[in-house]
């Protein structure tokens, strides 16, 4: 398979599998894809504090 990015998929930062962007959690490793895409958690699953002022 070519490594062409499909607009509907994203690579999970934890297990590096392609998953649907609409997936709430990664089906392979249970990582929170939606929270990660929305900037609520980092690739380790830790909460990101909002530093904007």
C-alpha atoms as a PDB file:
ATOM      1  CA  UNK A   1       0.000   0.000   0.000  1.00  0.00           C
ATOM      2  CA  UNK A   2       1.269   3.439  -0.864  1.00  0.00           C
ATOM      3  CA  UNK A   3       1.838   5.855   1.982  1.00  0.00           C
ATOM      4  CA  UNK A   4      -0.577   8.375   0.516  1.00  0.00           C
ATOM      5  CA  UNK A   5      -2.618  10.147   3.175  1.00  0.00           C
ATOM      6  CA  UNK A   6      -6.336   9.676   2.727  1.00  0.00           C
ATOM      7  CA  UNK A   7      -8.442  12.559   4.008  1.00  0.00           C
ATOM      8  CA  UNK A   8     -10.664  10.163   5.967  1.00  0.00           C
ATOM      9  CA  UNK A   9      -7.807   8.467   7.809  1.00  0.00           C
ATOM     10  CA  UNK A  10      -5.191   9.511  10.338  1.00  0.00           C
ATOM     11  CA  UNK A  11      -2.276   7.535  11.755  1.00  0.00           C
ATOM     12  CA  UNK A  12      -2.677   6.775  15.444  1.00  0.00           C
ATOM     13  CA  UNK A  13       0.309   8.278  17.301  1.00  0.00           C
ATOM     14  CA  UNK A  14       0.383   5.392  19.778  1.00  0.00           C
ATOM     15  CA  UNK A  15       0.171   2.245  17.609  1.00  0.00           C
ATOM     16  CA  UNK A  16       0.806   3.838  14.177  1.00  0.00           C
ATOM     17  CA  UNK A  17      -2.185   2.122  12.555  1.00  0.00           C
ATOM     18  CA  UNK A  18      -4.461   3.967  10.139  1.00  0.00           C
ATOM     19  CA  UNK A  19      -7.852   4.692  11.672  1.00  0.00           C
ATOM     20  CA  UNK A  20     -10.881   6.727  10.618  1.00  0.00           C
ATOM     21  CA  UNK A  21     -10.765  10.368  11.712  1.00  0.00           C
ATOM     22  CA  UNK A  22     -14.346   9.944  12.917  1.00  0.00           C
ATOM     23  CA  UNK A  23     -13.365   7.136  15.303  1.00  0.00           C
ATOM     24  CA  UNK A  24     -13.710   8.149  18.942  1.00  0.00           C
ATOM     25  CA  UNK A  25     -11.030   5.656  19.970  1.00  0.00           C
ATOM     26  CA  UNK A  26      -8.434   3.635  18.082  1.00  0.00           C
ATOM     27  CA  UNK A  27      -9.781   0.087  17.602  1.00  0.00           C
ATOM     28  CA  UNK A  28      -6.261  -1.320  17.904  1.00  0.00           C
ATOM     29  CA  UNK A  29      -4.919   0.301  21.075  1.00  0.00           C
ATOM     30  CA  UNK A  30      -7.952   2.164  22.517  1.00  0.00           C
ATOM     31  CA  UNK A  31      -6.234   5.563  22.181  1.00  0.00           C
ATOM     32  CA  UNK A  32      -8.619   8.560  22.153  1.00  0.00           C
ATOM     33  CA  UNK A  33      -8.394   9.677  18.512  1.00  0.00           C
ATOM     34  CA  UNK A  34     -11.118  12.336  18.728  1.00  0.00           C
ATOM     35  CA  UNK A  35      -9.653  13.937  21.854  1.00  0.00           C
ATOM     36  CA  UNK A  36      -6.178  13.909  20.275  1.00  0.00           C
ATOM     37  CA  UNK A  37      -7.405  15.525  17.032  1.00  0.00           C
ATOM     38  CA  UNK A  38      -9.278  18.190  18.990  1.00  0.00           C
ATOM     39  CA  UNK A  39      -6.120  19.023  20.980  1.00  0.00           C
ATOM     40  CA  UNK A  40      -7.428  17.819  24.340  1.00  0.00           C
ATOM     41  CA  UNK A  41      -4.727  15.160  24.839  1.00  0.00           C
ATOM     42  CA  UNK A  42      -1.212  14.605  23.517  1.00  0.00           C
ATOM     43  CA  UNK A  43       0.157  11.478  21.826  1.00  0.00           C
ATOM     44  CA  UNK A  44       0.761   9.905  25.247  1.00  0.00           C
ATOM     45  CA  UNK A  45      -2.854  10.378  26.296  1.00  0.00           C
ATOM     46  CA  UNK A  46      -1.995  13.100  28.784  1.00  0.00           C
ATOM     47  CA  UNK A  47      -4.287  16.157  29.042  1.00  0.00           C
ATOM     48  CA  UNK A  48      -3.079  19.315  27.325  1.00  0.00           C
ATOM     49  CA  UNK A  49      -3.499  22.503  29.306  1.00  0.00           C
ATOM     50  CA  UNK A  50      -4.857  25.447  27.375  1.00  0.00           C
ATOM     51  CA  UNK A  51      -2.165  28.129  27.531  1.00  0.00           C
ATOM     52  CA  UNK A  52      -3.878  30.626  25.242  1.00  0.00           C
ATOM     53  CA  UNK A  53      -4.597  34.006  26.815  1.00  0.00           C
END
